[in-house]
Amino acid sequence: MTHYSPDILNCLANLSSDEVFTSPELANRMLDLLPQELFRSSKTRFLDPCSKSGVFLREIAKRLLAGLEEQIPDLQQRIDHIMTKQVFGIACTDLTAEMSRRTLYCTKQANGEYSVATCFDDAQGNLRYIRCQHTWENGKCKHCGANRAQYDRVETIETYAYPFIHRNINEIFKNMQFDVIIGNPPYQLNVGVEKENYAIAIYHKFVQQAKKLNPRYLCMIIPARWYAGGRGLDEFRDEMLHDNHLRVLEDYPDASDVFPGVQIKAGVCYFLWDKDNAGDCSVTTNLNGEKIGPTVRPLLEKGATTFIRYNQMTSIYYKMKAKNNQENSFSSLVSPQTPFGIITSEKGHLEKTSSSDVKMYISGNEKEYKGGTSFIEGYKITKGKNLIDCHKVLIGKAGSGSDSFPHSILSTPFYAEPGTVCNQTYLVIGPFKDKNECNNVISYIKTRFFRFMVLLRKNSQDAMRGVYQFVPMQDFSHPWTDEMLYKKYDLDEDEIAFIESMIRPME
């Protein structure tokens, strides 16, 4: 019987969906993006600035051991050279520092009796962790945005003040220039401001800090929400989409394809940034084991303000855009969030108690409110008063998630008669002249074409007004079908097949 010894780094349970362990297979796919001659040079320096298990550093060391065999024939001398001169790491926490050293040095103390390296005189070696404190300004950390009430902690509790973005690199590794920075940073911090699970993104700060160190190559795996959304990511998105040194992008719309059992809305991606070479980006979509691409194209297509995720989308986008010179965007009909100034927690009351009360649509999941309606006092309506007595369409501000296939994209729209409002659960589309025109709008929203155009902008569950930017306006004197729209925009069989593979019918 064959003896099987699994790689322990394939057996680790994730700390959370925000701090996900990288498998050796994924680490090697990312390392494959680099020029392989880097692993045949005794001068190349590598840094993992957010080490959790040490997998990147271990796999780098393995490649260097093979690549330097002729230059440094003695095995122990080669190991000591690699560990002291070429491979460096900054751990995320004290716990992950010990895990990473155990992975890289085969012991949690770099200078321990069983360490594979024989020339360290301290326990940390080149895999450092410095406990940091947040720097508070107006109740938040100026480096990462952490909430003071939640993260101002005593010495015995982990602060999650990650050294790479809270300390100067010279305080950790003095006068060190790195050729390659590679890793899988923490994704977000739970700050519990608006609700218990409210979180802010943090991964982009690792990318930005890494660029400041001016490496030759930067490679990181991060959530893909930055393509078109994400709270607090506007500046980062603009920076990334205009950076023509981003030369490779491997996109995974379903995060479970790389992190089994972990749900990350909008999926993940990893990229290669090359300081010395500028140009278009090689984009590959990885979905359910299938590779689509690579296609070399700009990250920011002409006329777009966000990244068009799927390679097959670009031809459809340009066909629509050619027609759209004469057509306005459907987004002009869509209200901002909270169209009547009524927040989601406001449910109103079951019965009309005065002549000033107005019928209100709320979530249909509220069991005590039959049909998802109630009544609200007129004085509580602080916005959108011009829409109250109009024919209109309501649609959920939170659509279907964009990481299940095929997508639904949006919740089912419905007609709202004059004399009605809604709480923050819904957005208003309108106004329209009568119920018939509203029903024609609803027929358009239900088409796969409409929801596909929304998908170009929608990378998360939120479906605010901005996701309708690429949807063209139509004549709503009649209903619409996909067949009519495919013909209008001259879509070919392959383009139609792609749309229908991505978007499920809406009943």
Protein backbone atom coordinates (compact mmCIF):
# COMPACT_ATOMS: atom_id res chain seq x y z
CA MET A 1 0.00 0.00 0.00
CA THR A 2 1.33 3.44 -0.94
CA HIS A 3 2.04 5.67 2.05
CA TYR A 4 0.43 9.11 1.71
CA SER A 5 1.71 12.08 3.71
CA PRO A 6 -0.47 15.15 3.06
CA ASP A 7 1.04 18.61 3.03
CA ILE A 8 0.02 20.09 6.35
CA LEU A 9 -0.54 23.48 4.68
CA ASN A 10 -3.42 21.90 2.76
CA CYS A 11 -5.03 20.86 6.04
CA LEU A 12 -5.25 24.17 7.89
CA ALA A 13 -8.66 25.58 8.77
CA ASN A 14 -9.05 29.25 7.85
CA LEU A 15 -8.87 31.78 10.66
CA SER A 16 -11.93 33.52 9.14
CA SER A 17 -13.25 34.58 5.75
CA ASP A 18 -11.11 37.70 6.19
CA GLU A 19 -7.82 35.92 6.93
CA VAL A 20 -7.75 33.00 4.54
CA PHE A 21 -4.87 30.53 4.33
CA THR A 22 -3.31 30.08 0.92
CA SER A 23 -2.85 26.55 -0.39
CA PRO A 24 0.58 25.51 -1.76
CA GLU A 25 -1.05 24.98 -5.17
CA LEU A 26 -2.37 28.54 -5.29
CA ALA A 27 0.92 29.97 -4.01
CA ASN A 28 2.75 28.20 -6.83
CA ARG A 29 0.30 29.43 -9.47
CA MET A 30 1.07 32.95 -8.32
CA LEU A 31 4.83 32.30 -8.28
CA ASP A 32 4.55 30.95 -11.83
CA LEU A 33 3.63 34.48 -12.99
CA LEU A 34 7.11 35.72 -12.09
CA PRO A 35 10.11 35.46 -14.43
CA GLN A 36 11.65 32.18 -13.35
CA GLU A 37 15.21 33.46 -13.67
CA LEU A 38 14.55 35.26 -10.38
CA PHE A 39 14.88 31.88 -8.68
CA ARG A 40 18.27 31.29 -10.32
CA SER A 41 19.82 34.45 -8.90
CA SER A 42 21.48 34.51 -5.49
CA LYS A 43 20.67 38.21 -5.18
CA THR A 44 16.88 38.22 -5.59
CA ARG A 45 15.09 39.29 -2.41
CA PHE A 46 11.51 38.19 -1.71
CA LEU A 47 9.11 39.60 0.91
CA ASP A 48 5.76 38.27 2.12
CA PRO A 49 4.44 41.27 4.09
CA CYS A 50 1.39 39.45 5.48
CA SER A 51 2.53 35.92 6.27
CA LYS A 52 -0.03 33.64 7.88
CA SER A 53 1.15 30.09 7.28
CA GLY A 54 4.50 30.78 5.62
CA VAL A 55 3.48 28.97 2.44
CA PHE A 56 4.77 31.63 0.01
CA LEU A 57 8.17 31.75 1.70
CA ARG A 58 8.46 27.96 1.81
CA GLU A 59 7.62 27.58 -1.88
CA ILE A 60 10.02 30.39 -2.80
CA ALA A 61 12.78 28.71 -0.77
CA LYS A 62 12.12 25.40 -2.55
CA ARG A 63 12.51 27.07 -5.95
CA LEU A 64 15.68 28.85 -4.86
CA LEU A 65 17.15 25.61 -3.50
CA ALA A 66 16.80 24.08 -6.95
CA GLY A 67 17.77 27.20 -8.88
CA LEU A 68 20.99 27.87 -6.95
CA GLU A 69 22.26 24.31 -6.79
CA GLU A 70 25.05 24.87 -9.32
CA GLN A 71 26.08 28.26 -7.87
CA ILE A 72 26.11 27.06 -4.25
CA PRO A 73 26.64 23.26 -4.34
CA ASP A 74 26.83 22.76 -0.56
CA LEU A 75 23.27 22.21 0.68
CA GLN A 76 23.67 23.77 4.14
CA GLN A 77 25.51 26.76 2.76
CA ARG A 78 22.75 27.18 0.17
CA ILE A 79 20.00 26.97 2.79
CA ASP A 80 21.74 29.50 5.02
CA HIS A 81 22.25 31.90 2.13
CA ILE A 82 18.59 31.69 1.06
CA MET A 83 17.21 32.06 4.58
CA THR A 84 19.43 34.98 5.57
CA LYS A 85 19.85 36.88 2.28
CA GLN A 86 16.81 36.18 0.09
CA VAL A 87 13.62 35.20 1.93
CA PHE A 88 11.89 37.66 4.27
CA GLY A 89 8.48 37.80 5.90
CA ILE A 90 6.34 39.97 8.15
CA ALA A 91 3.67 38.02 10.03
CA CYS A 92 0.12 39.23 10.62
CA THR A 93 -0.05 38.19 14.28
CA ASP A 94 2.10 36.55 16.94
CA LEU A 95 0.35 33.24 16.27
CA THR A 96 0.90 33.35 12.52
CA ALA A 97 4.54 34.35 13.09
CA GLU A 98 5.13 31.08 14.95
CA MET A 99 3.22 29.11 12.31
CA SER A 100 5.21 30.73 9.49
CA ARG A 101 8.57 30.08 11.15
CA ARG A 102 7.58 26.48 11.72
CA THR A 103 6.81 26.22 8.00
CA LEU A 104 9.96 27.98 6.78
CA TYR A 105 12.59 27.05 9.38
CA CYS A 106 10.95 23.79 10.58
CA THR A 107 10.82 25.24 14.08
CA LYS A 108 9.12 28.26 15.61
CA GLN A 109 12.52 29.62 16.67
CA ALA A 110 14.81 30.51 13.76
CA ASN A 111 17.90 29.91 15.93
CA GLY A 112 16.51 26.78 17.57
CA GLU A 113 18.22 23.42 17.73
CA TYR A 114 16.07 21.98 14.93
CA SER A 115 16.08 24.98 12.60
CA VAL A 116 17.16 24.19 9.04
CA ALA A 117 19.14 27.45 9.11
CA THR A 118 22.33 27.45 11.21
CA CYS A 119 23.36 31.11 11.16
CA PHE A 120 20.58 33.06 12.90
CA ASP A 121 21.39 34.49 16.32
CA ASP A 122 17.81 35.45 17.22
CA ALA A 123 14.53 33.55 17.42
CA GLN A 124 12.64 35.56 14.78
CA GLY A 125 15.21 35.24 12.00
CA ASN A 126 13.96 36.98 8.87
CA LEU A 127 10.33 36.25 9.65
CA ARG A 128 9.40 39.13 11.90
CA TYR A 129 6.43 40.14 13.96
CA ILE A 130 6.38 43.41 15.89
CA ARG A 131 3.34 44.01 18.05
CA CYS A 132 1.89 47.36 17.03
CA GLN A 133 -0.71 49.70 18.38
CA HIS A 134 -3.15 51.69 16.30
CA THR A 135 -2.65 55.43 16.02
CA TRP A 136 -5.96 56.99 17.01
CA GLU A 137 -7.37 60.14 15.45
CA ASN A 138 -11.01 61.06 16.08
CA GLY A 139 -11.82 57.52 17.20
CA LYS A 140 -10.21 55.76 14.21
CA CYS A 141 -6.74 54.51 13.35
CA LYS A 142 -5.17 56.84 10.81
CA HIS A 143 -3.35 53.93 9.15
CA CYS A 144 -6.11 51.33 8.73
CA GLY A 145 -9.41 52.89 9.85
CA ALA A 146 -9.95 50.53 12.80
CA ASN A 147 -12.55 51.67 15.34
CA ARG A 148 -10.96 52.64 18.66
CA ALA A 149 -13.84 51.29 20.73
CA GLN A 150 -13.26 47.85 19.24
CA TYR A 151 -9.49 47.63 18.73
CA ASP A 152 -7.93 49.66 21.58
CA ARG A 153 -6.79 46.57 23.45
CA VAL A 154 -4.59 45.45 26.30
CA GLU A 155 -1.36 43.52 25.79
CA THR A 156 -3.05 40.14 26.20
CA ILE A 157 -5.46 40.63 23.27
CA GLU A 158 -4.47 40.75 19.59
CA THR A 159 -4.73 44.31 18.24
CA TYR A 160 -4.83 43.48 14.49
CA ALA A 161 -2.58 46.47 13.91
CA TYR A 162 -0.68 44.79 11.09
CA PRO A 163 3.02 45.80 11.13
CA PHE A 164 3.37 46.23 7.36
CA ILE A 165 0.87 49.10 7.25
CA HIS A 166 1.48 50.47 10.76
CA ARG A 167 5.29 50.64 10.86
CA ASN A 168 8.03 51.95 8.61
CA ILE A 169 9.68 49.05 6.79
CA ASN A 170 13.10 50.23 8.03
CA GLU A 171 11.97 49.53 11.57
CA ILE A 172 11.49 45.89 10.57
CA PHE A 173 14.20 45.33 7.93
CA LYS A 174 16.75 48.13 7.80
CA ASN A 175 17.82 49.53 4.41
CA MET A 176 16.35 46.60 2.53
CA GLN A 177 15.25 46.75 -1.13
CA PHE A 178 12.97 43.90 -2.24
CA ASP A 179 12.74 42.59 -5.79
CA VAL A 180 9.47 40.71 -5.26
CA ILE A 181 6.63 41.35 -2.81
CA ILE A 182 4.04 38.60 -2.77
CA GLY A 183 1.26 37.53 -0.42
CA ASN A 184 -2.36 37.15 0.62
CA PRO A 185 -3.24 40.11 2.87
CA PRO A 186 -6.07 40.29 5.43
CA TYR A 187 -9.23 41.36 3.62
CA GLN A 188 -11.21 43.49 6.07
CA LEU A 189 -11.63 44.72 9.63
CA ASN A 190 -14.92 44.39 11.46
CA VAL A 191 -15.58 47.81 12.94
CA GLY A 192 -19.16 47.34 14.12
CA VAL A 193 -20.24 50.94 13.58
CA GLU A 194 -23.56 50.76 11.75
CA LYS A 195 -24.28 47.14 12.59
CA GLU A 196 -22.48 44.31 14.33
CA ASN A 197 -20.96 42.82 11.19
CA TYR A 198 -20.11 46.12 9.52
CA ALA A 199 -16.61 45.89 8.09
CA ILE A 200 -14.16 48.03 6.14
CA ALA A 201 -11.78 46.80 3.46
CA ILE A 202 -8.09 46.69 4.39
CA TYR A 203 -6.44 44.62 1.63
CA HIS A 204 -5.93 47.62 -0.64
CA LYS A 205 -3.71 49.25 1.99
CA PHE A 206 -1.27 46.34 1.70
CA VAL A 207 -1.15 46.78 -2.09
CA GLN A 208 -0.59 50.52 -1.81
CA GLN A 209 2.08 50.13 0.87
CA ALA A 210 3.86 47.48 -1.21
CA LYS A 211 3.99 49.79 -4.23
CA LYS A 212 5.60 52.48 -2.07
CA LEU A 213 8.53 50.11 -1.48
CA ASN A 214 9.23 50.17 -5.23
CA PRO A 215 9.72 46.42 -5.86
CA ARG A 216 10.40 45.06 -9.33
CA TYR A 217 7.36 42.79 -9.06
CA LEU A 218 4.26 42.78 -6.89
CA CYS A 219 1.85 39.83 -6.76
CA MET A 220 -1.11 39.59 -4.36
CA ILE A 221 -4.41 37.76 -4.14
CA ILE A 222 -7.25 40.02 -3.01
CA PRO A 223 -11.06 40.27 -3.14
CA ALA A 224 -12.33 41.35 -6.57
CA ARG A 225 -14.92 43.80 -5.28
CA TRP A 226 -12.61 46.70 -6.13
CA TYR A 227 -13.43 46.23 -9.85
CA ALA A 228 -16.67 48.19 -9.58
CA GLY A 229 -17.72 48.66 -5.95
CA GLY A 230 -16.64 48.35 -2.36
CA ARG A 231 -16.98 50.94 0.38
CA GLY A 232 -13.93 53.20 0.56
CA LEU A 233 -12.27 51.72 -2.56
CA ASP A 234 -12.91 54.50 -5.11
CA GLU A 235 -9.38 55.92 -4.92
CA PHE A 236 -7.81 52.45 -5.02
CA ARG A 237 -9.96 51.39 -7.99
CA ASP A 238 -9.02 54.52 -9.94
CA GLU A 239 -5.34 53.95 -9.14
CA MET A 240 -5.41 50.29 -10.21
CA LEU A 241 -7.41 50.80 -13.42
CA HIS A 242 -5.08 53.56 -14.60
CA ASP A 243 -1.90 51.63 -13.70
CA ASN A 244 -0.50 50.15 -16.91
CA HIS A 245 2.12 48.23 -14.94
CA LEU A 246 -0.60 45.77 -13.93
CA ARG A 247 0.28 43.17 -16.57
CA VAL A 248 -1.55 39.97 -15.51
CA LEU A 249 -4.94 39.54 -13.85
CA GLU A 250 -6.26 36.08 -12.94
CA ASP A 251 -9.93 36.48 -12.01
CA TYR A 252 -12.04 34.00 -10.00
CA PRO A 253 -15.71 35.14 -9.88
CA ASP A 254 -16.44 32.23 -7.52
CA ALA A 255 -14.00 32.41 -4.61
CA SER A 256 -14.61 28.77 -3.69
CA ASP A 257 -12.62 27.81 -6.81
CA VAL A 258 -9.48 28.84 -4.91
CA PHE A 259 -10.66 28.89 -1.28
CA PRO A 260 -13.02 25.90 -0.88
CA GLY A 261 -15.70 26.47 1.73
CA VAL A 262 -15.10 30.22 1.94
CA GLN A 263 -17.66 32.71 0.65
CA ILE A 264 -16.20 36.00 -0.56
CA LYS A 265 -18.77 38.14 -2.33
CA ALA A 266 -17.72 39.06 -5.89
CA GLY A 267 -14.91 36.49 -5.84
CA VAL A 268 -11.15 37.05 -5.76
CA CYS A 269 -8.30 37.81 -8.11
CA TYR A 270 -4.54 37.77 -8.14
CA PHE A 271 -2.35 40.04 -10.22
CA LEU A 272 1.21 40.67 -11.35
CA TRP A 273 2.50 44.24 -11.24
CA ASP A 274 5.73 44.81 -13.19
CA LYS A 275 7.62 48.02 -12.46
CA ASP A 276 9.77 47.95 -15.59
CA ASN A 277 7.18 46.97 -18.18
CA ALA A 278 4.03 48.90 -19.04
CA GLY A 279 1.20 47.92 -21.35
CA ASP A 280 -2.21 46.31 -21.53
CA CYS A 281 -3.17 43.55 -19.10
CA SER A 282 -3.49 39.82 -19.79
CA VAL A 283 -6.90 38.96 -18.30
CA THR A 284 -8.04 35.38 -17.64
CA THR A 285 -11.38 34.37 -16.15
CA ASN A 286 -11.32 31.15 -14.10
CA LEU A 287 -14.76 29.69 -13.50
CA ASN A 288 -15.76 26.18 -12.41
CA GLY A 289 -12.44 24.75 -13.54
CA GLU A 290 -12.57 26.42 -16.97
CA LYS A 291 -10.15 29.08 -18.16
CA ILE A 292 -11.47 31.83 -20.45
CA GLY A 293 -8.58 33.73 -21.96
CA PRO A 294 -6.07 35.13 -21.58
CA THR A 295 -7.13 38.22 -23.48
CA VAL A 296 -4.78 41.19 -23.58
CA ARG A 297 -6.82 44.35 -23.13
CA PRO A 298 -6.94 47.62 -21.17
CA LEU A 299 -8.23 47.39 -17.63
CA LEU A 300 -10.30 50.46 -18.36
CA GLU A 301 -12.21 50.20 -21.62
CA LYS A 302 -13.00 53.38 -23.51
CA GLY A 303 -15.98 55.16 -21.96
CA ALA A 304 -16.05 52.89 -18.88
CA THR A 305 -15.36 53.96 -15.30
CA THR A 306 -15.07 50.43 -13.87
CA PHE A 307 -13.42 47.19 -14.94
CA ILE A 308 -15.46 45.06 -17.35
CA ARG A 309 -14.92 41.71 -15.74
CA TYR A 310 -15.51 39.08 -18.40
CA ASN A 311 -13.53 39.06 -21.65
CA GLN A 312 -16.67 38.09 -23.59
CA MET A 313 -18.44 41.19 -22.27
CA THR A 314 -16.25 43.64 -24.14
CA SER A 315 -17.63 43.01 -27.64
CA ILE A 316 -21.20 43.34 -26.31
CA TYR A 317 -20.23 46.50 -24.46
CA TYR A 318 -18.88 48.14 -27.62
CA LYS A 319 -21.89 47.11 -29.72
CA MET A 320 -24.19 48.59 -27.12
CA LYS A 321 -22.01 51.70 -26.86
CA ALA A 322 -22.14 52.27 -30.64
CA LYS A 323 -25.94 52.41 -30.40
CA ASN A 324 -25.91 54.22 -27.12
CA ASN A 325 -24.63 57.48 -28.60
CA GLN A 326 -28.29 58.25 -29.23
CA GLU A 327 -29.63 56.62 -26.05
CA ASN A 328 -29.48 57.84 -22.47
CA SER A 329 -28.61 55.61 -19.54
CA PHE A 330 -31.45 53.82 -17.74
CA SER A 331 -29.79 54.92 -14.49
CA SER A 332 -31.38 58.36 -14.96
CA LEU A 333 -34.74 56.75 -14.05
CA VAL A 334 -33.42 55.10 -10.86
CA SER A 335 -33.64 56.87 -7.51
CA PRO A 336 -30.80 57.20 -5.01
CA GLN A 337 -30.78 55.01 -1.93
CA THR A 338 -33.59 55.75 0.56
CA PRO A 339 -35.83 57.45 -2.05
CA PHE A 340 -38.37 58.78 0.46
CA GLY A 341 -36.00 59.29 3.39
CA ILE A 342 -37.48 56.27 5.21
CA ILE A 343 -34.89 53.84 6.61
CA THR A 344 -35.28 50.06 6.49
CA SER A 345 -36.01 49.72 10.21
CA GLU A 346 -39.09 51.93 9.80
CA LYS A 347 -41.94 49.45 9.27
CA GLY A 348 -44.91 51.78 9.71
CA HIS A 349 -48.18 50.46 11.17
CA LEU A 350 -50.75 47.94 9.96
CA GLU A 351 -53.81 50.16 9.77
CA LYS A 352 -54.40 53.61 8.33
CA THR A 353 -55.05 55.84 11.34
CA SER A 354 -55.34 59.29 9.77
CA SER A 355 -55.99 60.96 6.42
CA SER A 356 -52.33 61.97 6.21
CA ASP A 357 -51.08 58.35 6.37
CA VAL A 358 -49.53 56.98 3.18
CA LYS A 359 -49.35 53.37 2.02
CA MET A 360 -45.76 52.09 2.26
CA TYR A 361 -44.07 49.09 0.65
CA ILE A 362 -41.66 47.29 2.94
CA SER A 363 -39.86 43.95 2.80
CA GLY A 364 -42.21 41.09 1.97
CA ASN A 365 -40.39 39.04 4.60
CA GLU A 366 -42.09 40.93 7.40
CA LYS A 367 -44.62 38.28 8.48
CA GLU A 368 -46.89 40.58 10.43
CA TYR A 369 -47.32 42.88 7.44
CA LYS A 370 -49.41 41.02 4.88
CA GLY A 371 -48.32 41.62 1.31
CA GLY A 372 -45.31 43.66 2.38
CA THR A 373 -47.27 46.87 2.95
CA SER A 374 -48.07 49.14 5.86
CA PHE A 375 -48.90 52.79 6.49
CA ILE A 376 -46.67 55.67 7.52
CA GLU A 377 -47.37 59.18 8.75
CA GLY A 378 -46.93 61.76 6.00
CA TYR A 379 -44.56 63.92 8.04
CA LYS A 380 -42.00 61.06 8.08
CA ILE A 381 -41.60 61.30 4.30
CA THR A 382 -38.65 63.68 3.94
CA LYS A 383 -37.54 63.07 0.34
CA GLY A 384 -38.98 62.24 -3.07
CA LYS A 385 -42.38 63.82 -2.47
CA ASN A 386 -42.78 64.38 -6.21
CA LEU A 387 -42.82 60.58 -6.66
CA ILE A 388 -45.62 59.84 -4.21
CA ASP A 389 -48.54 60.46 -6.59
CA CYS A 390 -46.84 58.96 -9.66
CA HIS A 391 -46.95 55.58 -11.37
CA LYS A 392 -43.64 53.90 -10.60
CA VAL A 393 -41.72 50.63 -10.39
CA LEU A 394 -40.02 49.40 -7.22
CA ILE A 395 -36.98 47.14 -7.13
CA GLY A 396 -34.85 45.89 -4.24
CA LYS A 397 -31.72 47.89 -3.46
CA ALA A 398 -30.02 44.58 -2.74
CA GLY A 399 -30.08 42.27 -5.71
CA SER A 400 -29.12 38.66 -5.98
CA GLY A 401 -25.48 37.92 -5.17
CA SER A 402 -23.07 37.86 -8.10
CA ASP A 403 -21.14 34.73 -7.12
CA SER A 404 -23.66 32.01 -8.00
CA PHE A 405 -24.11 30.83 -11.57
CA PRO A 406 -26.10 31.54 -13.59
CA HIS A 407 -26.90 34.90 -12.01
CA SER A 408 -30.27 36.38 -11.14
CA ILE A 409 -28.60 39.78 -10.60
CA LEU A 410 -31.70 41.70 -9.47
CA SER A 411 -34.74 41.12 -7.31
CA THR A 412 -38.11 40.99 -9.05
CA PRO A 413 -39.49 44.47 -9.84
CA PHE A 414 -43.15 45.34 -9.28
CA TYR A 415 -45.63 48.11 -9.95
CA ALA A 416 -46.35 50.72 -7.26
CA GLU A 417 -49.49 52.77 -7.74
CA PRO A 418 -49.87 56.53 -7.13
CA GLY A 419 -50.25 57.47 -3.47
CA THR A 420 -47.54 55.06 -2.25
CA VAL A 421 -43.98 55.21 -0.92
CA CYS A 422 -41.39 52.65 0.19
CA ASN A 423 -38.75 52.33 2.85
CA GLN A 424 -35.03 51.86 2.20
CA THR A 425 -35.59 48.25 1.12
CA TYR A 426 -36.41 49.47 -2.39
CA LEU A 427 -35.31 51.92 -5.07
CA VAL A 428 -37.84 53.78 -7.20
CA ILE A 429 -37.74 53.61 -11.00
CA GLY A 430 -39.81 56.30 -12.67
CA PRO A 431 -42.00 58.28 -12.81
CA PHE A 432 -44.16 56.96 -15.68
CA LYS A 433 -47.43 58.10 -17.20
CA ASP A 434 -49.53 55.00 -16.41
CA LYS A 435 -49.54 51.39 -15.24
CA ASN A 436 -49.14 50.06 -18.77
CA GLU A 437 -45.86 51.94 -19.22
CA CYS A 438 -44.66 50.59 -15.86
CA ASN A 439 -45.42 47.05 -16.98
CA ASN A 440 -43.42 47.64 -20.16
CA VAL A 441 -40.47 48.79 -18.02
CA ILE A 442 -40.83 45.65 -15.91
CA SER A 443 -40.73 43.50 -19.06
CA TYR A 444 -37.42 45.18 -19.96
CA ILE A 445 -35.91 44.64 -16.50
CA LYS A 446 -36.80 40.97 -16.62
CA THR A 447 -34.89 40.36 -19.85
CA ARG A 448 -31.54 38.65 -19.66
CA PHE A 449 -30.07 41.47 -21.77
CA PHE A 450 -31.02 44.12 -19.19
CA ARG A 451 -29.61 42.16 -16.28
CA PHE A 452 -26.46 41.30 -18.21
CA MET A 453 -25.81 45.01 -18.73
CA VAL A 454 -26.26 45.47 -14.97
CA LEU A 455 -23.71 42.69 -14.40
CA LEU A 456 -21.09 44.81 -16.18
CA ARG A 457 -21.17 47.12 -13.14
CA LYS A 458 -22.42 44.86 -10.36
CA ASN A 459 -19.85 42.82 -8.44
CA SER A 460 -21.62 42.52 -5.11
CA GLN A 461 -25.10 42.12 -3.68
CA ASP A 462 -25.75 45.87 -3.65
CA ALA A 463 -27.74 47.12 -6.64
CA MET A 464 -27.75 50.89 -6.22
CA ARG A 465 -28.33 53.37 -9.04
CA GLY A 466 -24.76 53.16 -10.32
CA VAL A 467 -25.08 49.52 -11.45
CA TYR A 468 -27.56 50.62 -14.14
CA GLN A 469 -25.01 52.90 -15.85
CA PHE A 470 -24.47 50.68 -18.91
CA VAL A 471 -28.16 49.80 -19.38
CA PRO A 472 -29.51 51.73 -22.41
CA MET A 473 -32.82 53.55 -22.31
CA GLN A 474 -35.67 52.17 -24.44
CA ASP A 475 -39.05 53.23 -25.80
CA PHE A 476 -41.53 52.02 -23.18
CA SER A 477 -44.66 52.38 -25.30
CA HIS A 478 -44.47 48.60 -25.77
CA PRO A 479 -43.06 45.58 -23.89
CA TRP A 480 -39.60 44.16 -24.55
CA THR A 481 -38.19 40.65 -25.04
CA ASP A 482 -34.64 39.36 -25.31
CA GLU A 483 -35.16 38.52 -28.95
CA MET A 484 -36.05 42.14 -29.72
CA LEU A 485 -32.98 43.41 -27.85
CA TYR A 486 -30.57 40.89 -29.37
CA LYS A 487 -31.73 42.00 -32.81
CA LYS A 488 -31.56 45.71 -31.97
CA TYR A 489 -27.95 45.49 -30.81
CA ASP A 490 -26.81 43.05 -33.53
CA LEU A 491 -25.60 40.37 -31.13
CA ASP A 492 -24.22 37.23 -32.72
CA GLU A 493 -24.86 33.63 -31.65
CA ASP A 494 -21.79 33.42 -29.42
CA GLU A 495 -22.65 36.66 -27.63
CA ILE A 496 -26.25 35.55 -27.10
CA ALA A 497 -25.07 32.16 -25.82
CA PHE A 498 -22.73 33.88 -23.35
CA ILE A 499 -25.48 36.14 -22.01
CA GLU A 500 -27.83 33.20 -21.56
CA SER A 501 -25.12 31.14 -19.85
CA MET A 502 -24.55 33.95 -17.34
CA ILE A 503 -28.12 35.12 -16.63
CA ARG A 504 -31.00 32.92 -15.55
CA PRO A 505 -34.58 33.66 -16.61
CA MET A 506 -36.65 35.82 -14.25
CA GLU A 507 -40.14 34.50 -13.60
